[in-house]
Amino acid sequence: MLELRPTCEHCNMPLPPASTEACICSFECTFCRDCVERVLEGVCPNCGGGFVPRPVRPARDWNNGNCLGRHPATTTVTYKPVERAAQRELVARVGALPPHER
């Protein structure tokens, strides 16, 4: 189950569970859309993979108890600002490849 991390790992912007600005990679590294586009250039600094919008977990129990109340978001903040030079180097190596080919 997704942790639904509470902030962007780079800029520490709040990304509450219902945020449509949150993006994740396949390892659930979490960044805001602005950082993904402007700083990371679509490349995860931790794994080199791509990003997708993070799903929003329903706040209301629509079916089978699968809701935020029963499965809350984590409160653990992962704040690791990206080192820009290293990110530029990573983007230069893999950025031209589509995520499914990395």
PDB file of N, CA and C in Angstrom:
ATOM      1  N   MET A   1       0.847  -1.171   0.000  1.00  0.00           N
ATOM      2  CA  MET A   1       0.000   0.000   0.000  1.00  0.00           C
ATOM      3  C   MET A   1       0.896   1.238   0.000  1.00  0.00           C
ATOM      4  N   LEU A   2       0.525   2.218  -0.806  1.00  0.00           N
ATOM      5  CA  LEU A   2       1.303   3.451  -0.873  1.00  0.00           C
ATOM      6  C   LEU A   2       1.341   4.154   0.478  1.00  0.00           C
ATOM      7  N   GLU A   3       2.507   4.716   0.798  1.00  0.00           N
ATOM      8  CA  GLU A   3       2.667   5.455   2.055  1.00  0.00           C
ATOM      9  C   GLU A   3       1.970   6.808   2.022  1.00  0.00           C
ATOM     10  N   LEU A   4       1.858   7.400   0.847  1.00  0.00           N
ATOM     11  CA  LEU A   4       1.338   8.763   0.696  1.00  0.00           C
ATOM     12  C   LEU A   4       2.180   9.724   1.536  1.00  0.00           C
ATOM     13  N   ARG A   5       3.432   9.865   1.136  1.00  0.00           N
ATOM     14  CA  ARG A   5       4.373  10.716   1.870  1.00  0.00           C
ATOM     15  C   ARG A   5       3.887  12.157   1.889  1.00  0.00           C
ATOM     16  N   PRO A   6       4.138  12.855   3.007  1.00  0.00           N
ATOM     17  CA  PRO A   6       3.497  14.153   3.235  1.00  0.00           C
ATOM     18  C   PRO A   6       4.105  15.375   2.561  1.00  0.00           C
ATOM     19  N   THR A   7       5.327  15.239   2.020  1.00  0.00           N
ATOM     20  CA  THR A   7       5.974  16.416   1.427  1.00  0.00           C
ATOM     21  C   THR A   7       6.823  16.033   0.228  1.00  0.00           C
ATOM     22  N   CYS A   8       7.194  17.045  -0.542  1.00  0.00           N
ATOM     23  CA  CYS A   8       8.134  16.871  -1.650  1.00  0.00           C
ATOM     24  C   CYS A   8       9.519  16.616  -1.062  1.00  0.00           C
ATOM     25  N   GLU A   9      10.202  15.613  -1.569  1.00  0.00           N
ATOM     26  CA  GLU A   9      11.535  15.290  -1.062  1.00  0.00           C
ATOM     27  C   GLU A   9      12.545  16.386  -1.359  1.00  0.00           C
ATOM     28  N   HIS A  10      12.315  17.198  -2.389  1.00  0.00           N
ATOM     29  CA  HIS A  10      13.280  18.239  -2.740  1.00  0.00           C
ATOM     30  C   HIS A  10      12.989  19.567  -2.056  1.00  0.00           C
ATOM     31  N   CYS A  11      11.787  20.091  -2.195  1.00  0.00           N
ATOM     32  CA  CYS A  11      11.483  21.440  -1.688  1.00  0.00           C
ATOM     33  C   CYS A  11      10.692  21.438  -0.384  1.00  0.00           C
ATOM     34  N   ASN A  12      10.270  20.265   0.057  1.00  0.00           N
ATOM     35  CA  ASN A  12       9.514  20.097   1.303  1.00  0.00           C
ATOM     36  C   ASN A  12       8.113  20.710   1.256  1.00  0.00           C
ATOM     37  N   MET A  13       7.596  20.976   0.052  1.00  0.00           N
ATOM     38  CA  MET A  13       6.231  21.489  -0.083  1.00  0.00           C
ATOM     39  C   MET A  13       5.248  20.450   0.456  1.00  0.00           C
ATOM     40  N   PRO A  14       4.263  20.870   1.231  1.00  0.00           N
ATOM     41  CA  PRO A  14       3.261  19.919   1.718  1.00  0.00           C
ATOM     42  C   PRO A  14       2.501  19.255   0.563  1.00  0.00           C
ATOM     43  N   LEU A  15       2.359  17.953   0.650  1.00  0.00           N
ATOM     44  CA  LEU A  15       1.603  17.177  -0.339  1.00  0.00           C
ATOM     45  C   LEU A  15       0.617  16.293   0.424  1.00  0.00           C
ATOM     46  N   PRO A  16      -0.483  16.883   0.884  1.00  0.00           N
ATOM     47  CA  PRO A  16      -1.459  16.103   1.645  1.00  0.00           C
ATOM     48  C   PRO A  16      -2.036  14.968   0.794  1.00  0.00           C
ATOM     49  N   PRO A  17      -2.675  13.998   1.419  1.00  0.00           N
ATOM     50  CA  PRO A  17      -3.181  12.833   0.690  1.00  0.00           C
ATOM     51  C   PRO A  17      -4.043  13.155  -0.533  1.00  0.00           C
ATOM     52  N   ALA A  18      -4.787  14.242  -0.512  1.00  0.00           N
ATOM     53  CA  ALA A  18      -5.655  14.582  -1.641  1.00  0.00           C
ATOM     54  C   ALA A  18      -4.967  15.458  -2.686  1.00  0.00           C
ATOM     55  N   SER A  19      -3.679  15.721  -2.522  1.00  0.00           N
ATOM     56  CA  SER A  19      -2.971  16.597  -3.459  1.00  0.00           C
ATOM     57  C   SER A  19      -2.916  15.996  -4.858  1.00  0.00           C
ATOM     58  N   THR A  20      -3.184  16.823  -5.840  1.00  0.00           N
ATOM     59  CA  THR A  20      -3.026  16.406  -7.235  1.00  0.00           C
ATOM     60  C   THR A  20      -1.683  16.889  -7.779  1.00  0.00           C
ATOM     61  N   GLU A  21      -0.860  17.464  -6.920  1.00  0.00           N
ATOM     62  CA  GLU A  21       0.471  17.942  -7.304  1.00  0.00           C
ATOM     63  C   GLU A  21       1.561  16.919  -7.006  1.00  0.00           C
ATOM     64  N   ALA A  22       1.232  15.827  -6.334  1.00  0.00           N
ATOM     65  CA  ALA A  22       2.228  14.829  -5.944  1.00  0.00           C
ATOM     66  C   ALA A  22       2.516  13.873  -7.092  1.00  0.00           C
ATOM     67  N   CYS A  23       3.802  13.594  -7.292  1.00  0.00           N
ATOM     68  CA  CYS A  23       4.246  12.621  -8.291  1.00  0.00           C
ATOM     69  C   CYS A  23       5.139  11.602  -7.592  1.00  0.00           C
ATOM     70  N   ILE A  24       5.071  10.350  -8.055  1.00  0.00           N
ATOM     71  CA  ILE A  24       5.890   9.295  -7.464  1.00  0.00           C
ATOM     72  C   ILE A  24       6.591   8.494  -8.555  1.00  0.00           C
ATOM     73  N   CYS A  25       7.729   7.877  -8.171  1.00  0.00           N
ATOM     74  CA  CYS A  25       8.390   6.924  -9.058  1.00  0.00           C
ATOM     75  C   CYS A  25       7.968   5.520  -8.615  1.00  0.00           C
ATOM     76  N   SER A  26       8.524   4.495  -9.222  1.00  0.00           N
ATOM     77  CA  SER A  26       8.114   3.130  -8.878  1.00  0.00           C
ATOM     78  C   SER A  26       8.560   2.710  -7.481  1.00  0.00           C
ATOM     79  N   PHE A  27       9.487   3.459  -6.875  1.00  0.00           N
ATOM     80  CA  PHE A  27       9.913   3.183  -5.503  1.00  0.00           C
ATOM     81  C   PHE A  27       9.205   4.094  -4.510  1.00  0.00           C
ATOM     82  N   GLU A  28       8.263   4.872  -4.993  1.00  0.00           N
ATOM     83  CA  GLU A  28       7.450   5.799  -4.219  1.00  0.00           C
ATOM     84  C   GLU A  28       8.201   7.033  -3.740  1.00  0.00           C
ATOM     85  N   CYS A  29       9.341   7.340  -4.362  1.00  0.00           N
ATOM     86  CA  CYS A  29       9.973   8.628  -4.093  1.00  0.00           C
ATOM     87  C   CYS A  29       8.926   9.667  -4.474  1.00  0.00           C
ATOM     88  N   THR A  30       8.759  10.688  -3.659  1.00  0.00           N
ATOM     89  CA  THR A  30       7.650  11.629  -3.815  1.00  0.00           C
ATOM     90  C   THR A  30       8.153  13.048  -3.995  1.00  0.00           C
ATOM     91  N   PHE A  31       7.703  13.682  -5.069  1.00  0.00           N
ATOM     92  CA  PHE A  31       8.089  15.055  -5.381  1.00  0.00           C
ATOM     93  C   PHE A  31       6.869  15.811  -5.876  1.00  0.00           C
ATOM     94  N   CYS A  32       6.895  17.128  -5.726  1.00  0.00           N
ATOM     95  CA  CYS A  32       5.810  17.940  -6.280  1.00  0.00           C
ATOM     96  C   CYS A  32       6.001  18.040  -7.795  1.00  0.00           C
ATOM     97  N   ARG A  33       4.925  18.311  -8.481  1.00  0.00           N
ATOM     98  CA  ARG A  33       4.953  18.393  -9.942  1.00  0.00           C
ATOM     99  C   ARG A  33       5.959  19.441 -10.427  1.00  0.00           C
ATOM    100  N   ASP A  34       6.026  20.577  -9.731  1.00  0.00           N
ATOM    101  CA  ASP A  34       6.942  21.643 -10.132  1.00  0.00           C
ATOM    102  C   ASP A  34       8.394  21.165 -10.085  1.00  0.00           C
ATOM    103  N   CYS A  35       8.790  20.479  -9.023  1.00  0.00           N
ATOM    104  CA  CYS A  35      10.161  19.967  -8.931  1.00  0.00           C
ATOM    105  C   CYS A  35      10.421  18.885  -9.978  1.00  0.00           C
ATOM    106  N   VAL A  36       9.445  18.010 -10.216  1.00  0.00           N
ATOM    107  CA  VAL A  36       9.608  16.964 -11.230  1.00  0.00           C
ATOM    108  C   VAL A  36       9.889  17.590 -12.593  1.00  0.00           C
ATOM    109  N   GLU A  37       9.148  18.634 -12.929  1.00  0.00           N
ATOM    110  CA  GLU A  37       9.293  19.258 -14.242  1.00  0.00           C
ATOM    111  C   GLU A  37      10.500  20.186 -14.338  1.00  0.00           C
ATOM    112  N   ARG A  38      10.729  21.025 -13.335  1.00  0.00           N
ATOM    113  CA  ARG A  38      11.743  22.074 -13.440  1.00  0.00           C
ATOM    114  C   ARG A  38      13.113  21.699 -12.895  1.00  0.00           C
ATOM    115  N   VAL A  39      13.159  20.865 -11.885  1.00  0.00           N
ATOM    116  CA  VAL A  39      14.439  20.514 -11.265  1.00  0.00           C
ATOM    117  C   VAL A  39      14.904  19.130 -11.707  1.00  0.00           C
ATOM    118  N   LEU A  40      14.013  18.161 -11.642  1.00  0.00           N
ATOM    119  CA  LEU A  40      14.377  16.772 -11.921  1.00  0.00           C
ATOM    120  C   LEU A  40      14.289  16.411 -13.394  1.00  0.00           C
ATOM    121  N   GLU A  41      13.582  17.217 -14.161  1.00  0.00           N
ATOM    122  CA  GLU A  41      13.390  16.986 -15.603  1.00  0.00           C
ATOM    123  C   GLU A  41      12.854  15.585 -15.885  1.00  0.00           C
ATOM    124  N   GLY A  42      11.950  15.123 -15.000  1.00  0.00           N
ATOM    125  CA  GLY A  42      11.284  13.843 -15.220  1.00  0.00           C
ATOM    126  C   GLY A  42      12.102  12.617 -14.873  1.00  0.00           C
ATOM    127  N   VAL A  43      13.269  12.806 -14.243  1.00  0.00           N
ATOM    128  CA  VAL A  43      14.140  11.682 -13.882  1.00  0.00           C
ATOM    129  C   VAL A  43      14.272  11.625 -12.362  1.00  0.00           C
ATOM    130  N   CYS A  44      13.921  10.495 -11.769  1.00  0.00           N
ATOM    131  CA  CYS A  44      14.037  10.351 -10.317  1.00  0.00           C
ATOM    132  C   CYS A  44      15.511  10.377  -9.921  1.00  0.00           C
ATOM    133  N   PRO A  45      15.893  11.249  -8.989  1.00  0.00           N
ATOM    134  CA  PRO A  45      17.294  11.342  -8.585  1.00  0.00           C
ATOM    135  C   PRO A  45      17.772  10.132  -7.786  1.00  0.00           C
ATOM    136  N   ASN A  46      16.854   9.332  -7.304  1.00  0.00           N
ATOM    137  CA  ASN A  46      17.215   8.176  -6.485  1.00  0.00           C
ATOM    138  C   ASN A  46      17.363   6.893  -7.289  1.00  0.00           C
ATOM    139  N   CYS A  47      16.543   6.723  -8.339  1.00  0.00           N
ATOM    140  CA  CYS A  47      16.593   5.467  -9.097  1.00  0.00           C
ATOM    141  C   CYS A  47      16.770   5.658 -10.601  1.00  0.00           C
ATOM    142  N   GLY A  48      16.593   6.883 -11.101  1.00  0.00           N
ATOM    143  CA  GLY A  48      16.713   7.124 -12.534  1.00  0.00           C
ATOM    144  C   GLY A  48      15.442   6.834 -13.307  1.00  0.00           C
ATOM    145  N   GLY A  49      14.404   6.399 -12.629  1.00  0.00           N
ATOM    146  CA  GLY A  49      13.133   6.098 -13.285  1.00  0.00           C
ATOM    147  C   GLY A  49      12.320   7.346 -13.563  1.00  0.00           C
ATOM    148  N   GLY A  50      11.124   7.134 -14.064  1.00  0.00           N
ATOM    149  CA  GLY A  50      10.218   8.234 -14.375  1.00  0.00           C
ATOM    150  C   GLY A  50       9.206   8.445 -13.264  1.00  0.00           C
ATOM    151  N   PHE A  51       8.267   9.337 -13.521  1.00  0.00           N
ATOM    152  CA  PHE A  51       7.251   9.687 -12.534  1.00  0.00           C
ATOM    153  C   PHE A  51       5.851   9.554 -13.109  1.00  0.00           C
ATOM    154  N   VAL A  52       4.915   9.304 -12.224  1.00  0.00           N
ATOM    155  CA  VAL A  52       3.487   9.315 -12.548  1.00  0.00           C
ATOM    156  C   VAL A  52       2.783  10.107 -11.453  1.00  0.00           C
ATOM    157  N   PRO A  53       1.583  10.622 -11.737  1.00  0.00           N
ATOM    158  CA  PRO A  53       0.827  11.288 -10.672  1.00  0.00           C
ATOM    159  C   PRO A  53       0.516  10.293  -9.553  1.00  0.00           C
ATOM    160  N   ARG A  54       0.652  10.743  -8.314  1.00  0.00           N
ATOM    161  CA  ARG A  54       0.326   9.873  -7.182  1.00  0.00           C
ATOM    162  C   ARG A  54      -1.192   9.758  -7.076  1.00  0.00           C
ATOM    163  N   PRO A  55      -1.720   8.544  -6.954  1.00  0.00           N
ATOM    164  CA  PRO A  55      -3.168   8.393  -6.794  1.00  0.00           C
ATOM    165  C   PRO A  55      -3.647   9.034  -5.494  1.00  0.00           C
ATOM    166  N   VAL A  56      -4.883   9.442  -5.489  1.00  0.00           N
ATOM    167  CA  VAL A  56      -5.504   9.997  -4.288  1.00  0.00           C
ATOM    168  C   VAL A  56      -6.294   8.880  -3.615  1.00  0.00           C
ATOM    169  N   ARG A  57      -5.977   8.608  -2.365  1.00  0.00           N
ATOM    170  CA  ARG A  57      -6.715   7.593  -1.606  1.00  0.00           C
ATOM    171  C   ARG A  57      -8.051   8.193  -1.177  1.00  0.00           C
ATOM    172  N   PRO A  58      -9.154   7.504  -1.407  1.00  0.00           N
ATOM    173  CA  PRO A  58     -10.457   8.049  -1.031  1.00  0.00           C
ATOM    174  C   PRO A  58     -10.522   8.395   0.460  1.00  0.00           C
ATOM    175  N   ALA A  59     -11.024   9.573   0.755  1.00  0.00           N
ATOM    176  CA  ALA A  59     -11.199   9.990   2.149  1.00  0.00           C
ATOM    177  C   ALA A  59     -12.399   9.278   2.764  1.00  0.00           C
ATOM    178  N   ARG A  60     -13.375   8.984   1.941  1.00  0.00           N
ATOM    179  CA  ARG A  60     -14.615   8.352   2.395  1.00  0.00           C
ATOM    180  C   ARG A  60     -14.576   6.849   2.122  1.00  0.00           C
ATOM    181  N   ASP A  61     -15.194   6.083   2.983  1.00  0.00           N
ATOM    182  CA  ASP A  61     -15.270   4.635   2.808  1.00  0.00           C
ATOM    183  C   ASP A  61     -16.375   4.307   1.812  1.00  0.00           C
ATOM    184  N   TRP A  62     -16.021   4.255   0.557  1.00  0.00           N
ATOM    185  CA  TRP A  62     -16.992   3.935  -0.494  1.00  0.00           C
ATOM    186  C   TRP A  62     -17.216   2.433  -0.598  1.00  0.00           C
ATOM    187  N   ASN A  63     -16.189   1.637  -0.232  1.00  0.00           N
ATOM    188  CA  ASN A  63     -16.296   0.197  -0.425  1.00  0.00           C
ATOM    189  C   ASN A  63     -15.237  -0.530   0.402  1.00  0.00           C
ATOM    190  N   ASN A  64     -15.652  -1.495   1.181  1.00  0.00           N
ATOM    191  CA  ASN A  64     -14.756  -2.422   1.875  1.00  0.00           C
ATOM    192  C   ASN A  64     -13.769  -1.793   2.852  1.00  0.00           C
ATOM    193  N   GLY A  65     -14.028  -0.615   3.346  1.00  0.00           N
ATOM    194  CA  GLY A  65     -13.125   0.004   4.314  1.00  0.00           C
ATOM    195  C   GLY A  65     -11.828   0.513   3.727  1.00  0.00           C
ATOM    196  N   ASN A  66     -11.780   0.620   2.406  1.00  0.00           N
ATOM    197  CA  ASN A  66     -10.569   1.090   1.742  1.00  0.00           C
ATOM    198  C   ASN A  66     -10.589   2.606   1.639  1.00  0.00           C
ATOM    199  N   CYS A  67     -10.153   3.245   2.718  1.00  0.00           N
ATOM    200  CA  CYS A  67     -10.198   4.705   2.763  1.00  0.00           C
ATOM    201  C   CYS A  67      -9.071   5.234   3.644  1.00  0.00           C
ATOM    202  N   LEU A  68      -8.885   6.517   3.585  1.00  0.00           N
ATOM    203  CA  LEU A  68      -7.835   7.182   4.335  1.00  0.00           C
ATOM    204  C   LEU A  68      -7.987   6.980   5.842  1.00  0.00           C
ATOM    205  N   GLY A  69      -9.208   6.925   6.327  1.00  0.00           N
ATOM    206  CA  GLY A  69      -9.433   6.721   7.753  1.00  0.00           C
ATOM    207  C   GLY A  69      -8.895   5.400   8.271  1.00  0.00           C
ATOM    208  N   ARG A  70      -9.022   4.358   7.484  1.00  0.00           N
ATOM    209  CA  ARG A  70      -8.522   3.029   7.884  1.00  0.00           C
ATOM    210  C   ARG A  70      -7.078   2.811   7.485  1.00  0.00           C
ATOM    211  N   HIS A  71      -6.639   3.506   6.462  1.00  0.00           N
ATOM    212  CA  HIS A  71      -5.274   3.359   5.948  1.00  0.00           C
ATOM    213  C   HIS A  71      -4.676   4.753   5.775  1.00  0.00           C
ATOM    214  N   PRO A  72      -4.286   5.396   6.888  1.00  0.00           N
ATOM    215  CA  PRO A  72      -3.829   6.783   6.822  1.00  0.00           C
ATOM    216  C   PRO A  72      -2.477   6.946   6.132  1.00  0.00           C
ATOM    217  N   ALA A  73      -2.246   8.159   5.676  1.00  0.00           N
ATOM    218  CA  ALA A  73      -0.962   8.516   5.078  1.00  0.00           C
ATOM    219  C   ALA A  73       0.108   8.543   6.161  1.00  0.00           C
ATOM    220  N   THR A  74       1.348   8.302   5.766  1.00  0.00           N
ATOM    221  CA  THR A  74       2.445   8.401   6.719  1.00  0.00           C
ATOM    222  C   THR A  74       2.657   9.864   7.118  1.00  0.00           C
ATOM    223  N   THR A  75       3.217  10.058   8.269  1.00  0.00           N
ATOM    224  CA  THR A  75       3.576  11.411   8.710  1.00  0.00           C
ATOM    225  C   THR A  75       5.092  11.599   8.674  1.00  0.00           C
ATOM    226  N   THR A  76       5.815  10.561   8.268  1.00  0.00           N
ATOM    227  CA  THR A  76       7.269  10.620   8.195  1.00  0.00           C
ATOM    228  C   THR A  76       7.697  11.428   6.974  1.00  0.00           C
ATOM    229  N   VAL A  77       8.439  12.486   7.221  1.00  0.00           N
ATOM    230  CA  VAL A  77       8.912  13.357   6.144  1.00  0.00           C
ATOM    231  C   VAL A  77      10.251  12.841   5.624  1.00  0.00           C
ATOM    232  N   THR A  78      10.370  12.742   4.305  1.00  0.00           N
ATOM    233  CA  THR A  78      11.632  12.425   3.649  1.00  0.00           C
ATOM    234  C   THR A  78      12.061  13.692   2.925  1.00  0.00           C
ATOM    235  N   TYR A  79      13.040  14.374   3.479  1.00  0.00           N
ATOM    236  CA  TYR A  79      13.500  15.645   2.905  1.00  0.00           C
ATOM    237  C   TYR A  79      14.967  15.506   2.545  1.00  0.00           C
ATOM    238  N   LYS A  80      15.240  15.347   1.247  1.00  0.00           N
ATOM    239  CA  LYS A  80      16.598  15.176   0.743  1.00  0.00           C
ATOM    240  C   LYS A  80      16.754  16.054  -0.497  1.00  0.00           C
ATOM    241  N   PRO A  81      17.019  17.347  -0.316  1.00  0.00           N
ATOM    242  CA  PRO A  81      17.154  18.211  -1.487  1.00  0.00           C
ATOM    243  C   PRO A  81      18.161  17.635  -2.487  1.00  0.00           C
ATOM    244  N   VAL A  82      17.809  17.730  -3.742  1.00  0.00           N
ATOM    245  CA  VAL A  82      18.618  17.174  -4.819  1.00  0.00           C
ATOM    246  C   VAL A  82      19.835  18.056  -5.069  1.00  0.00           C
ATOM    247  N   GLU A  83      20.976  17.413  -5.244  1.00  0.00           N
ATOM    248  CA  GLU A  83      22.192  18.135  -5.611  1.00  0.00           C
ATOM    249  C   GLU A  83      22.103  18.384  -7.115  1.00  0.00           C
ATOM    250  N   ARG A  84      21.999  19.637  -7.490  1.00  0.00           N
ATOM    251  CA  ARG A  84      21.673  20.003  -8.876  1.00  0.00           C
ATOM    252  C   ARG A  84      22.676  19.487  -9.901  1.00  0.00           C
ATOM    253  N   ALA A  85      23.971  19.576  -9.615  1.00  0.00           N
ATOM    254  CA  ALA A  85      24.975  19.120 -10.587  1.00  0.00           C
ATOM    255  C   ALA A  85      24.846  17.617 -10.826  1.00  0.00           C
ATOM    256  N   ALA A  86      24.655  16.856  -9.765  1.00  0.00           N
ATOM    257  CA  ALA A  86      24.494  15.405  -9.908  1.00  0.00           C
ATOM    258  C   ALA A  86      23.230  15.080 -10.697  1.00  0.00           C
ATOM    259  N   GLN A  87      22.163  15.852 -10.478  1.00  0.00           N
ATOM    260  CA  GLN A  87      20.919  15.615 -11.211  1.00  0.00           C
ATOM    261  C   GLN A  87      21.097  15.924 -12.692  1.00  0.00           C
ATOM    262  N   ARG A  88      21.792  17.011 -12.996  1.00  0.00           N
ATOM    263  CA  ARG A  88      22.044  17.342 -14.414  1.00  0.00           C
ATOM    264  C   ARG A  88      22.826  16.223 -15.094  1.00  0.00           C
ATOM    265  N   GLU A  89      23.795  15.656 -14.384  1.00  0.00           N
ATOM    266  CA  GLU A  89      24.586  14.553 -14.931  1.00  0.00           C
ATOM    267  C   GLU A  89      23.708  13.321 -15.173  1.00  0.00           C
ATOM    268  N   LEU A  90      22.844  13.007 -14.220  1.00  0.00           N
ATOM    269  CA  LEU A  90      21.938  11.866 -14.373  1.00  0.00           C
ATOM    270  C   LEU A  90      20.986  12.084 -15.545  1.00  0.00           C
ATOM    271  N   VAL A  91      20.436  13.275 -15.654  1.00  0.00           N
ATOM    272  CA  VAL A  91      19.525  13.590 -16.763  1.00  0.00           C
ATOM    273  C   VAL A  91      20.263  13.472 -18.095  1.00  0.00           C
ATOM    274  N   ALA A  92      21.517  13.911 -18.139  1.00  0.00           N
ATOM    275  CA  ALA A  92      22.300  13.810 -19.377  1.00  0.00           C
ATOM    276  C   ALA A  92      22.494  12.348 -19.787  1.00  0.00           C
ATOM    277  N   ARG A  93      22.627  11.464 -18.804  1.00  0.00           N
ATOM    278  CA  ARG A  93      22.840  10.041 -19.105  1.00  0.00           C
ATOM    279  C   ARG A  93      21.570   9.312 -19.500  1.00  0.00           C
ATOM    280  N   VAL A  94      20.455   9.591 -18.820  1.00  0.00           N
ATOM    281  CA  VAL A  94      19.255   8.782 -19.040  1.00  0.00           C
ATOM    282  C   VAL A  94      18.023   9.567 -19.468  1.00  0.00           C
ATOM    283  N   GLY A  95      18.084  10.880 -19.418  1.00  0.00           N
ATOM    284  CA  GLY A  95      16.901  11.701 -19.666  1.00  0.00           C
ATOM    285  C   GLY A  95      16.271  11.537 -21.034  1.00  0.00           C
ATOM    286  N   ALA A  96      17.064  11.198 -22.045  1.00  0.00           N
ATOM    287  CA  ALA A  96      16.515  11.040 -23.395  1.00  0.00           C
ATOM    288  C   ALA A  96      15.789   9.704 -23.570  1.00  0.00           C
ATOM    289  N   LEU A  97      16.038   8.769 -22.671  1.00  0.00           N
ATOM    290  CA  LEU A  97      15.373   7.463 -22.758  1.00  0.00           C
ATOM    291  C   LEU A  97      13.983   7.544 -22.139  1.00  0.00           C
ATOM    292  N   PRO A  98      12.987   6.959 -22.781  1.00  0.00           N
ATOM    293  CA  PRO A  98      11.671   6.896 -22.149  1.00  0.00           C
ATOM    294  C   PRO A  98      11.782   6.069 -20.858  1.00  0.00           C
ATOM    295  N   PRO A  99      10.992   6.393 -19.841  1.00  0.00           N
ATOM    296  CA  PRO A  99      11.093   5.660 -18.572  1.00  0.00           C
ATOM    297  C   PRO A  99      11.019   4.137 -18.712  1.00  0.00           C
ATOM    298  N   HIS A 100      10.229   3.636 -19.645  1.00  0.00           N
ATOM    299  CA  HIS A 100      10.106   2.175 -19.766  1.00  0.00           C
ATOM    300  C   HIS A 100      11.354   1.524 -20.364  1.00  0.00           C
ATOM    301  N   GLU A 101      12.313   2.323 -20.834  1.00  0.00           N
ATOM    302  CA  GLU A 101      13.561   1.784 -21.381  1.00  0.00           C
ATOM    303  C   GLU A 101      14.761   2.047 -20.473  1.00  0.00           C
ATOM    304  N   ARG A 102      14.543   2.655 -19.335  1.00  0.00           N
ATOM    305  CA  ARG A 102      15.669   2.962 -18.434  1.00  0.00           C
ATOM    306  C   ARG A 102      16.050   1.756 -17.605  1.00  0.00           C
TER     307      ARG A 102
END
